[in-house]
Amino acid sequence: MASTSPGRIWLMRMAFPALALVLLFFHLLPLDTLPSRWAPPDLLLALALAWSLRRPDFVPVLLLGATMLMADMLFQRPPGLFALLVVLGCEFLKSRVLPHPETAFAAEWLAVAMVISGIVVLNRAILAILAVAQAPLGLTLIQAVLTIAVYPLVVLFSQQLLGVRKLSPAEAEVLGSR
């Protein structure tokens, strides 16, 4: 029950934006001045999805929305669009989460892949309807595929180093889950 203590929950709620700031810092570092032929994976999106599935209580909606809005501003994306899509995707996954640790990882990975694909398609469609300049389709697809591919590593990092594990049925009951 130690992982459901209020102190631990608030510590992890503060750890999420701190990790997001570290990821944003390293993403924005000007290490290469030449345009890249490939796009790196969106680690912040993968982290948000992993934490939302594994421990929904660590990533409340307002914290997630504020963190992703900050990322929108720093990456100079249209403010709020990607943040809204990520919040909707995470909330969709939170509503599907089962408090059983024996749920197959392949099913979780497939659900995350579908949500990432939906976020990418909706983001591009809305930007196209509004006639906003976008990155080439190839770069967007490379980033989506790499984000899906790196998701297991993000889950492994979160679980082994940060202790973000799935809720047990008893912990889920204490927190008020179904």
N, C-alpha and C. Protein backbone atom coordinates (compact mmCIF):
# COMPACT_ATOMS: atom_id res chain seq x y z
N MET A 1 0.81 -1.20 0.00
CA MET A 1 0.00 0.00 0.00
C MET A 1 0.85 1.27 0.00
N ALA A 2 2.15 1.11 0.08
CA ALA A 2 3.01 2.28 0.13
C ALA A 2 2.94 3.08 -1.16
N SER A 3 2.64 2.42 -2.28
CA SER A 3 2.61 3.15 -3.55
C SER A 3 1.33 3.96 -3.72
N THR A 4 0.35 3.78 -2.81
CA THR A 4 -0.86 4.58 -2.88
C THR A 4 -0.90 5.66 -1.80
N SER A 5 0.19 5.84 -1.08
CA SER A 5 0.20 6.88 -0.05
C SER A 5 0.15 8.25 -0.72
N PRO A 6 -0.50 9.21 -0.07
CA PRO A 6 -0.60 10.55 -0.67
C PRO A 6 0.75 11.20 -0.94
N GLY A 7 1.72 10.96 -0.08
CA GLY A 7 3.05 11.53 -0.32
C GLY A 7 3.68 11.01 -1.59
N ARG A 8 3.58 9.70 -1.81
CA ARG A 8 4.15 9.09 -3.01
C ARG A 8 3.42 9.58 -4.26
N ILE A 9 2.10 9.69 -4.18
CA ILE A 9 1.32 10.14 -5.33
C ILE A 9 1.72 11.56 -5.70
N TRP A 10 1.85 12.45 -4.71
CA TRP A 10 2.23 13.84 -5.01
C TRP A 10 3.67 13.94 -5.49
N LEU A 11 4.54 13.09 -4.97
CA LEU A 11 5.92 13.07 -5.44
C LEU A 11 5.97 12.70 -6.92
N MET A 12 5.21 11.69 -7.31
CA MET A 12 5.20 11.27 -8.71
C MET A 12 4.47 12.28 -9.59
N ARG A 13 3.50 12.98 -9.03
CA ARG A 13 2.84 14.04 -9.80
C ARG A 13 3.81 15.18 -10.10
N MET A 14 4.74 15.40 -9.23
CA MET A 14 5.76 16.44 -9.48
C MET A 14 6.90 15.89 -10.34
N ALA A 15 7.11 14.58 -10.30
CA ALA A 15 8.16 13.96 -11.11
C ALA A 15 7.80 14.00 -12.59
N PHE A 16 6.51 13.89 -12.91
CA PHE A 16 6.12 13.89 -14.33
C PHE A 16 6.49 15.19 -15.03
N PRO A 17 6.11 16.37 -14.51
CA PRO A 17 6.53 17.59 -15.21
C PRO A 17 8.04 17.80 -15.15
N ALA A 18 8.70 17.31 -14.10
CA ALA A 18 10.15 17.43 -14.04
C ALA A 18 10.81 16.61 -15.15
N LEU A 19 10.33 15.40 -15.35
CA LEU A 19 10.83 14.57 -16.46
C LEU A 19 10.52 15.22 -17.81
N ALA A 20 9.34 15.81 -17.91
CA ALA A 20 8.96 16.49 -19.15
C ALA A 20 9.92 17.64 -19.43
N LEU A 21 10.28 18.40 -18.40
CA LEU A 21 11.22 19.51 -18.59
C LEU A 21 12.59 19.00 -19.05
N VAL A 22 13.04 17.89 -18.49
CA VAL A 22 14.32 17.32 -18.91
C VAL A 22 14.25 16.88 -20.37
N LEU A 23 13.17 16.21 -20.75
CA LEU A 23 13.01 15.78 -22.14
C LEU A 23 12.95 16.98 -23.09
N LEU A 24 12.21 18.00 -22.70
CA LEU A 24 12.11 19.20 -23.54
C LEU A 24 13.45 19.89 -23.67
N PHE A 25 14.20 19.96 -22.57
CA PHE A 25 15.51 20.60 -22.60
C PHE A 25 16.43 19.90 -23.59
N PHE A 26 16.51 18.57 -23.51
CA PHE A 26 17.41 17.85 -24.41
C PHE A 26 16.90 17.85 -25.85
N HIS A 27 15.59 17.94 -26.03
CA HIS A 27 15.06 18.00 -27.39
C HIS A 27 15.36 19.34 -28.05
N LEU A 28 15.40 20.40 -27.25
CA LEU A 28 15.61 21.74 -27.79
C LEU A 28 17.08 22.14 -27.88
N LEU A 29 17.99 21.31 -27.35
CA LEU A 29 19.41 21.64 -27.46
C LEU A 29 19.84 21.67 -28.92
N PRO A 30 20.55 22.71 -29.32
CA PRO A 30 21.00 22.79 -30.73
C PRO A 30 22.27 21.98 -30.96
N LEU A 31 22.13 20.67 -31.02
CA LEU A 31 23.30 19.81 -31.21
C LEU A 31 23.72 19.71 -32.66
N ASP A 32 22.78 19.87 -33.57
CA ASP A 32 23.09 19.76 -35.00
C ASP A 32 22.38 20.90 -35.73
N THR A 33 23.12 21.61 -36.54
CA THR A 33 22.53 22.76 -37.23
C THR A 33 21.98 22.41 -38.61
N LEU A 34 22.27 21.21 -39.08
CA LEU A 34 21.75 20.79 -40.39
C LEU A 34 20.36 20.17 -40.23
N PRO A 35 19.50 20.35 -41.22
CA PRO A 35 18.18 19.70 -41.14
C PRO A 35 18.33 18.18 -41.12
N SER A 36 17.51 17.56 -40.33
CA SER A 36 17.58 16.10 -40.18
C SER A 36 16.70 15.41 -41.21
N ARG A 37 17.11 14.20 -41.61
CA ARG A 37 16.32 13.40 -42.56
C ARG A 37 15.30 12.53 -41.82
N TRP A 38 15.39 12.48 -40.51
CA TRP A 38 14.45 11.67 -39.74
C TRP A 38 14.04 12.45 -38.50
N ALA A 39 12.91 12.10 -37.95
CA ALA A 39 12.41 12.76 -36.75
C ALA A 39 12.57 11.82 -35.56
N PRO A 40 13.06 12.32 -34.45
CA PRO A 40 13.21 11.45 -33.28
C PRO A 40 11.84 11.10 -32.70
N PRO A 41 11.77 10.04 -31.90
CA PRO A 41 10.48 9.68 -31.30
C PRO A 41 10.03 10.75 -30.31
N ASP A 42 8.75 10.85 -30.14
CA ASP A 42 8.18 11.79 -29.18
C ASP A 42 8.14 11.10 -27.82
N LEU A 43 9.22 11.25 -27.07
CA LEU A 43 9.34 10.58 -25.78
C LEU A 43 8.35 11.12 -24.76
N LEU A 44 8.00 12.38 -24.85
CA LEU A 44 7.03 12.95 -23.92
C LEU A 44 5.66 12.32 -24.12
N LEU A 45 5.27 12.12 -25.36
CA LEU A 45 4.00 11.44 -25.65
C LEU A 45 4.02 10.02 -25.13
N ALA A 46 5.11 9.30 -25.38
CA ALA A 46 5.22 7.92 -24.90
C ALA A 46 5.18 7.86 -23.38
N LEU A 47 5.85 8.80 -22.72
CA LEU A 47 5.85 8.85 -21.26
C LEU A 47 4.46 9.14 -20.72
N ALA A 48 3.77 10.08 -21.34
CA ALA A 48 2.41 10.41 -20.90
C ALA A 48 1.47 9.22 -21.05
N LEU A 49 1.57 8.52 -22.18
CA LEU A 49 0.71 7.35 -22.39
C LEU A 49 1.06 6.22 -21.43
N ALA A 50 2.34 5.98 -21.19
CA ALA A 50 2.75 4.91 -20.30
C ALA A 50 2.28 5.18 -18.87
N TRP A 51 2.48 6.39 -18.40
CA TRP A 51 2.06 6.71 -17.04
C TRP A 51 0.55 6.73 -16.92
N SER A 52 -0.15 7.17 -17.95
CA SER A 52 -1.62 7.18 -17.89
C SER A 52 -2.19 5.78 -17.83
N LEU A 53 -1.55 4.86 -18.52
CA LEU A 53 -2.02 3.47 -18.49
C LEU A 53 -1.63 2.77 -17.21
N ARG A 54 -0.42 2.99 -16.75
CA ARG A 54 0.08 2.25 -15.60
C ARG A 54 -0.41 2.83 -14.28
N ARG A 55 -0.34 4.13 -14.12
CA ARG A 55 -0.76 4.77 -12.88
C ARG A 55 -1.53 6.04 -13.20
N PRO A 56 -2.81 5.93 -13.50
CA PRO A 56 -3.60 7.12 -13.85
C PRO A 56 -3.61 8.19 -12.76
N ASP A 57 -3.43 7.79 -11.50
CA ASP A 57 -3.44 8.76 -10.41
C ASP A 57 -2.19 9.63 -10.40
N PHE A 58 -1.13 9.23 -11.07
CA PHE A 58 0.09 10.03 -11.14
C PHE A 58 0.00 11.15 -12.18
N VAL A 59 -0.94 11.03 -13.13
CA VAL A 59 -1.04 12.00 -14.22
C VAL A 59 -2.47 12.53 -14.31
N PRO A 60 -2.84 13.47 -13.42
CA PRO A 60 -4.19 14.04 -13.54
C PRO A 60 -4.33 14.88 -14.81
N VAL A 61 -5.56 15.10 -15.21
CA VAL A 61 -5.85 15.76 -16.48
C VAL A 61 -5.23 17.15 -16.56
N LEU A 62 -5.38 17.96 -15.53
CA LEU A 62 -4.87 19.33 -15.58
C LEU A 62 -3.34 19.35 -15.66
N LEU A 63 -2.69 18.46 -14.94
CA LEU A 63 -1.23 18.39 -14.99
C LEU A 63 -0.76 17.97 -16.37
N LEU A 64 -1.42 16.97 -16.94
CA LEU A 64 -1.07 16.51 -18.28
C LEU A 64 -1.32 17.60 -19.31
N GLY A 65 -2.46 18.25 -19.23
CA GLY A 65 -2.78 19.32 -20.17
C GLY A 65 -1.81 20.48 -20.08
N ALA A 66 -1.45 20.89 -18.86
CA ALA A 66 -0.51 21.99 -18.69
C ALA A 66 0.88 21.63 -19.21
N THR A 67 1.30 20.39 -18.95
CA THR A 67 2.62 19.94 -19.42
C THR A 67 2.66 19.90 -20.94
N MET A 68 1.63 19.36 -21.55
CA MET A 68 1.62 19.27 -23.01
C MET A 68 1.43 20.65 -23.66
N LEU A 69 0.70 21.54 -23.00
CA LEU A 69 0.57 22.91 -23.51
C LEU A 69 1.92 23.63 -23.48
N MET A 70 2.68 23.39 -22.41
CA MET A 70 4.03 23.97 -22.33
C MET A 70 4.89 23.42 -23.46
N ALA A 71 4.76 22.13 -23.76
CA ALA A 71 5.52 21.54 -24.86
C ALA A 71 5.09 22.15 -26.20
N ASP A 72 3.78 22.39 -26.37
CA ASP A 72 3.30 23.05 -27.59
C ASP A 72 3.95 24.42 -27.76
N MET A 73 4.01 25.17 -26.68
CA MET A 73 4.60 26.52 -26.75
C MET A 73 6.10 26.44 -27.07
N LEU A 74 6.81 25.55 -26.41
CA LEU A 74 8.26 25.45 -26.63
C LEU A 74 8.61 24.90 -28.00
N PHE A 75 7.80 24.00 -28.54
CA PHE A 75 8.06 23.43 -29.86
C PHE A 75 7.45 24.27 -30.98
N GLN A 76 6.80 25.37 -30.62
CA GLN A 76 6.18 26.29 -31.56
C GLN A 76 5.14 25.59 -32.45
N ARG A 77 4.36 24.71 -31.81
CA ARG A 77 3.22 24.10 -32.49
C ARG A 77 2.01 24.98 -32.23
N PRO A 78 0.93 24.80 -32.98
CA PRO A 78 -0.29 25.55 -32.66
C PRO A 78 -0.71 25.25 -31.21
N PRO A 79 -0.82 26.28 -30.39
CA PRO A 79 -1.04 26.04 -28.96
C PRO A 79 -2.35 25.33 -28.67
N GLY A 80 -2.24 24.25 -27.98
CA GLY A 80 -3.40 23.54 -27.47
C GLY A 80 -3.89 22.38 -28.31
N LEU A 81 -3.62 22.34 -29.58
CA LEU A 81 -4.15 21.26 -30.42
C LEU A 81 -3.55 19.91 -30.04
N PHE A 82 -2.23 19.82 -30.07
CA PHE A 82 -1.59 18.55 -29.73
C PHE A 82 -1.84 18.21 -28.27
N ALA A 83 -1.86 19.23 -27.41
CA ALA A 83 -2.13 19.00 -25.99
C ALA A 83 -3.52 18.40 -25.80
N LEU A 84 -4.50 18.94 -26.51
CA LEU A 84 -5.86 18.41 -26.41
C LEU A 84 -5.92 16.97 -26.91
N LEU A 85 -5.29 16.69 -28.02
CA LEU A 85 -5.32 15.34 -28.56
C LEU A 85 -4.63 14.34 -27.62
N VAL A 86 -3.54 14.74 -27.01
CA VAL A 86 -2.85 13.86 -26.06
C VAL A 86 -3.71 13.64 -24.82
N VAL A 87 -4.33 14.69 -24.31
CA VAL A 87 -5.21 14.54 -23.15
C VAL A 87 -6.37 13.60 -23.48
N LEU A 88 -6.98 13.78 -24.65
CA LEU A 88 -8.07 12.89 -25.04
C LEU A 88 -7.60 11.45 -25.19
N GLY A 89 -6.42 11.25 -25.79
CA GLY A 89 -5.87 9.91 -25.94
C GLY A 89 -5.56 9.27 -24.60
N CYS A 90 -4.98 10.03 -23.69
CA CYS A 90 -4.65 9.49 -22.36
C CYS A 90 -5.92 9.17 -21.57
N GLU A 91 -6.91 10.04 -21.67
CA GLU A 91 -8.16 9.77 -20.97
C GLU A 91 -8.88 8.56 -21.55
N PHE A 92 -8.79 8.37 -22.86
CA PHE A 92 -9.36 7.17 -23.47
C PHE A 92 -8.67 5.93 -22.92
N LEU A 93 -7.34 5.97 -22.83
CA LEU A 93 -6.62 4.82 -22.29
C LEU A 93 -6.91 4.62 -20.81
N LYS A 94 -7.05 5.70 -20.06
CA LYS A 94 -7.38 5.58 -18.63
C LYS A 94 -8.73 4.91 -18.44
N SER A 95 -9.67 5.20 -19.34
CA SER A 95 -11.00 4.60 -19.21
C SER A 95 -10.98 3.12 -19.54
N ARG A 96 -9.97 2.69 -20.30
CA ARG A 96 -9.87 1.28 -20.69
C ARG A 96 -8.98 0.48 -19.76
N VAL A 97 -8.30 1.14 -18.82
CA VAL A 97 -7.32 0.45 -17.98
C VAL A 97 -8.03 -0.57 -17.08
N LEU A 98 -7.44 -1.72 -17.00
CA LEU A 98 -7.93 -2.76 -16.11
C LEU A 98 -6.94 -2.91 -14.96
N PRO A 99 -7.43 -3.01 -13.74
CA PRO A 99 -6.52 -3.10 -12.61
C PRO A 99 -5.95 -4.50 -12.42
N HIS A 100 -5.64 -5.18 -13.50
CA HIS A 100 -5.07 -6.51 -13.41
C HIS A 100 -3.65 -6.49 -13.96
N PRO A 101 -2.68 -6.85 -13.15
CA PRO A 101 -1.30 -6.82 -13.63
C PRO A 101 -1.01 -7.88 -14.68
N GLU A 102 -1.88 -8.86 -14.83
CA GLU A 102 -1.61 -9.92 -15.81
C GLU A 102 -2.12 -9.58 -17.21
N THR A 103 -2.63 -8.37 -17.41
CA THR A 103 -3.03 -7.95 -18.75
C THR A 103 -1.80 -7.98 -19.66
N ALA A 104 -1.96 -8.58 -20.82
CA ALA A 104 -0.83 -8.78 -21.72
C ALA A 104 -0.26 -7.44 -22.18
N PHE A 105 1.07 -7.38 -22.21
CA PHE A 105 1.72 -6.15 -22.66
C PHE A 105 1.46 -5.91 -24.13
N ALA A 106 1.32 -6.97 -24.91
CA ALA A 106 1.06 -6.81 -26.34
C ALA A 106 -0.26 -6.06 -26.57
N ALA A 107 -1.27 -6.36 -25.76
CA ALA A 107 -2.56 -5.67 -25.89
C ALA A 107 -2.42 -4.20 -25.51
N GLU A 108 -1.63 -3.93 -24.47
CA GLU A 108 -1.38 -2.55 -24.07
C GLU A 108 -0.64 -1.80 -25.17
N TRP A 109 0.37 -2.43 -25.74
CA TRP A 109 1.18 -1.81 -26.79
C TRP A 109 0.33 -1.54 -28.03
N LEU A 110 -0.56 -2.47 -28.38
CA LEU A 110 -1.45 -2.28 -29.52
C LEU A 110 -2.40 -1.11 -29.27
N ALA A 111 -2.94 -1.01 -28.06
CA ALA A 111 -3.84 0.10 -27.73
C ALA A 111 -3.09 1.43 -27.82
N VAL A 112 -1.87 1.46 -27.32
CA VAL A 112 -1.07 2.69 -27.38
C VAL A 112 -0.74 3.03 -28.83
N ALA A 113 -0.42 2.02 -29.63
CA ALA A 113 -0.12 2.27 -31.05
C ALA A 113 -1.34 2.86 -31.77
N MET A 114 -2.52 2.37 -31.45
CA MET A 114 -3.73 2.91 -32.07
C MET A 114 -3.97 4.35 -31.62
N VAL A 115 -3.73 4.63 -30.36
CA VAL A 115 -3.94 6.00 -29.86
C VAL A 115 -2.92 6.95 -30.49
N ILE A 116 -1.66 6.54 -30.58
CA ILE A 116 -0.64 7.39 -31.22
C ILE A 116 -1.01 7.64 -32.68
N SER A 117 -1.44 6.60 -33.37
CA SER A 117 -1.86 6.76 -34.77
C SER A 117 -3.03 7.71 -34.88
N GLY A 118 -3.98 7.59 -33.98
CA GLY A 118 -5.13 8.49 -33.99
C GLY A 118 -4.74 9.93 -33.72
N ILE A 119 -3.83 10.13 -32.78
CA ILE A 119 -3.35 11.49 -32.48
C ILE A 119 -2.67 12.09 -33.70
N VAL A 120 -1.83 11.32 -34.36
CA VAL A 120 -1.10 11.82 -35.53
C VAL A 120 -2.06 12.15 -36.67
N VAL A 121 -3.00 11.26 -36.94
CA VAL A 121 -3.94 11.47 -38.04
C VAL A 121 -4.84 12.68 -37.76
N LEU A 122 -5.38 12.76 -36.55
CA LEU A 122 -6.24 13.89 -36.22
C LEU A 122 -5.48 15.21 -36.24
N ASN A 123 -4.26 15.20 -35.73
CA ASN A 123 -3.44 16.42 -35.72
C ASN A 123 -3.19 16.90 -37.15
N ARG A 124 -2.79 15.99 -38.03
CA ARG A 124 -2.52 16.38 -39.42
C ARG A 124 -3.80 16.82 -40.13
N ALA A 125 -4.91 16.13 -39.86
CA ALA A 125 -6.17 16.48 -40.52
C ALA A 125 -6.65 17.86 -40.10
N ILE A 126 -6.59 18.15 -38.80
CA ILE A 126 -7.04 19.46 -38.32
C ILE A 126 -6.14 20.56 -38.84
N LEU A 127 -4.82 20.32 -38.84
CA LEU A 127 -3.90 21.33 -39.38
C LEU A 127 -4.12 21.54 -40.88
N ALA A 128 -4.44 20.46 -41.59
CA ALA A 128 -4.69 20.59 -43.03
C ALA A 128 -5.99 21.37 -43.28
N ILE A 129 -7.01 21.11 -42.51
CA ILE A 129 -8.28 21.83 -42.67
C ILE A 129 -8.08 23.32 -42.40
N LEU A 130 -7.25 23.63 -41.42
CA LEU A 130 -7.01 25.04 -41.07
C LEU A 130 -5.88 25.66 -41.89
N ALA A 131 -5.33 24.91 -42.82
CA ALA A 131 -4.27 25.39 -43.72
C ALA A 131 -3.04 25.90 -42.97
N VAL A 132 -2.64 25.14 -41.97
CA VAL A 132 -1.45 25.47 -41.20
C VAL A 132 -0.28 24.68 -41.80
N ALA A 133 0.86 25.33 -41.92
CA ALA A 133 2.05 24.65 -42.46
C ALA A 133 2.43 23.49 -41.55
N GLN A 134 2.79 22.37 -42.19
CA GLN A 134 3.11 21.16 -41.44
C GLN A 134 4.44 20.59 -41.89
N ALA A 135 4.98 19.72 -41.06
CA ALA A 135 6.17 18.97 -41.44
C ALA A 135 5.78 18.00 -42.55
N PRO A 136 6.75 17.57 -43.35
CA PRO A 136 6.43 16.57 -44.40
C PRO A 136 5.82 15.30 -43.79
N LEU A 137 4.95 14.67 -44.56
CA LEU A 137 4.25 13.47 -44.10
C LEU A 137 5.24 12.37 -43.71
N GLY A 138 6.32 12.23 -44.46
CA GLY A 138 7.31 11.20 -44.16
C GLY A 138 7.92 11.37 -42.78
N LEU A 139 8.26 12.60 -42.41
CA LEU A 139 8.83 12.85 -41.09
C LEU A 139 7.82 12.54 -39.98
N THR A 140 6.57 12.91 -40.22
CA THR A 140 5.53 12.65 -39.23
C THR A 140 5.33 11.15 -39.04
N LEU A 141 5.33 10.39 -40.13
CA LEU A 141 5.17 8.94 -40.03
C LEU A 141 6.37 8.28 -39.35
N ILE A 142 7.58 8.76 -39.67
CA ILE A 142 8.77 8.22 -39.01
C ILE A 142 8.70 8.47 -37.51
N GLN A 143 8.28 9.67 -37.12
CA GLN A 143 8.19 9.98 -35.70
C GLN A 143 7.13 9.11 -35.02
N ALA A 144 6.00 8.90 -35.66
CA ALA A 144 4.95 8.06 -35.08
C ALA A 144 5.42 6.62 -34.92
N VAL A 145 6.05 6.08 -35.95
CA VAL A 145 6.53 4.70 -35.88
C VAL A 145 7.62 4.55 -34.80
N LEU A 146 8.53 5.51 -34.74
CA LEU A 146 9.58 5.45 -33.72
C LEU A 146 9.00 5.62 -32.31
N THR A 147 7.99 6.43 -32.15
CA THR A 147 7.34 6.59 -30.84
C THR A 147 6.68 5.28 -30.42
N ILE A 148 6.02 4.62 -31.35
CA ILE A 148 5.41 3.32 -31.05
C ILE A 148 6.49 2.30 -30.71
N ALA A 149 7.60 2.32 -31.46
CA ALA A 149 8.68 1.36 -31.23
C ALA A 149 9.39 1.58 -29.91
N VAL A 150 9.49 2.83 -29.46
CA VAL A 150 10.23 3.13 -28.24
C VAL A 150 9.35 2.99 -26.99
N TYR A 151 8.05 2.81 -27.15
CA TYR A 151 7.13 2.71 -26.01
C TYR A 151 7.55 1.62 -25.01
N PRO A 152 7.93 0.41 -25.45
CA PRO A 152 8.36 -0.58 -24.46
C PRO A 152 9.57 -0.14 -23.64
N LEU A 153 10.48 0.60 -24.25
CA LEU A 153 11.64 1.10 -23.50
C LEU A 153 11.23 2.15 -22.47
N VAL A 154 10.26 2.99 -22.82
CA VAL A 154 9.76 3.98 -21.88
C VAL A 154 9.06 3.30 -20.71
N VAL A 155 8.29 2.25 -21.00
CA VAL A 155 7.63 1.49 -19.94
C VAL A 155 8.67 0.83 -19.04
N LEU A 156 9.69 0.24 -19.64
CA LEU A 156 10.76 -0.40 -18.87
C LEU A 156 11.47 0.62 -17.99
N PHE A 157 11.81 1.78 -18.54
CA PHE A 157 12.45 2.85 -17.77
C PHE A 157 11.56 3.29 -16.61
N SER A 158 10.28 3.51 -16.91
CA SER A 158 9.34 3.97 -15.88
C SER A 158 9.16 2.93 -14.78
N GLN A 159 9.10 1.67 -15.18
CA GLN A 159 8.85 0.61 -14.20
C GLN A 159 10.08 0.30 -13.37
N GLN A 160 11.23 0.17 -14.00
CA GLN A 160 12.43 -0.26 -13.28
C GLN A 160 13.09 0.87 -12.49
N LEU A 161 13.19 2.04 -13.10
CA LEU A 161 13.91 3.13 -12.43
C LEU A 161 13.02 4.04 -11.60
N LEU A 162 11.78 4.23 -12.02
CA LEU A 162 10.90 5.17 -11.32
C LEU A 162 9.82 4.48 -10.49
N GLY A 163 9.64 3.18 -10.67
CA GLY A 163 8.65 2.45 -9.89
C GLY A 163 7.22 2.69 -10.29
N VAL A 164 6.99 3.03 -11.55
CA VAL A 164 5.63 3.25 -12.04
C VAL A 164 5.11 1.91 -12.55
N ARG A 165 4.50 1.17 -11.65
CA ARG A 165 3.96 -0.14 -11.99
C ARG A 165 2.44 -0.08 -12.06
N LYS A 166 1.86 -1.08 -12.70
CA LYS A 166 0.40 -1.16 -12.76
C LYS A 166 -0.16 -1.32 -11.36
N LEU A 167 -1.35 -0.79 -11.18
CA LEU A 167 -2.03 -0.92 -9.90
C LEU A 167 -2.46 -2.36 -9.67
N SER A 168 -2.33 -2.81 -8.44
CA SER A 168 -2.90 -4.11 -8.09
C SER A 168 -4.40 -3.88 -7.87
N PRO A 169 -5.22 -4.93 -7.90
CA PRO A 169 -6.65 -4.74 -7.66
C PRO A 169 -6.95 -4.09 -6.31
N ALA A 170 -6.18 -4.42 -5.27
CA ALA A 170 -6.40 -3.81 -3.96
C ALA A 170 -6.08 -2.32 -3.98
N GLU A 171 -4.98 -1.94 -4.65
CA GLU A 171 -4.62 -0.52 -4.75
C GLU A 171 -5.64 0.24 -5.56
N ALA A 172 -6.14 -0.38 -6.62
CA ALA A 172 -7.16 0.28 -7.45
C ALA A 172 -8.44 0.52 -6.63
N GLU A 173 -8.77 -0.45 -5.78
CA GLU A 173 -9.96 -0.28 -4.94
C GLU A 173 -9.77 0.84 -3.93
N VAL A 174 -8.57 0.96 -3.36
CA VAL A 174 -8.29 2.02 -2.40
C VAL A 174 -8.41 3.39 -3.07
N LEU A 175 -7.97 3.48 -4.33
CA LEU A 175 -8.02 4.74 -5.06
C LEU A 175 -9.38 5.02 -5.67
N GLY A 176 -10.32 4.07 -5.57
CA GLY A 176 -11.68 4.32 -6.06
C GLY A 176 -11.93 3.89 -7.48
N SER A 177 -11.09 3.01 -8.03
CA SER A 177 -11.31 2.51 -9.39
C SER A 177 -12.43 1.49 -9.39
N ARG A 178 -12.85 1.16 -10.61
CA ARG A 178 -13.85 0.10 -10.73
C ARG A 178 -13.20 -1.24 -10.55
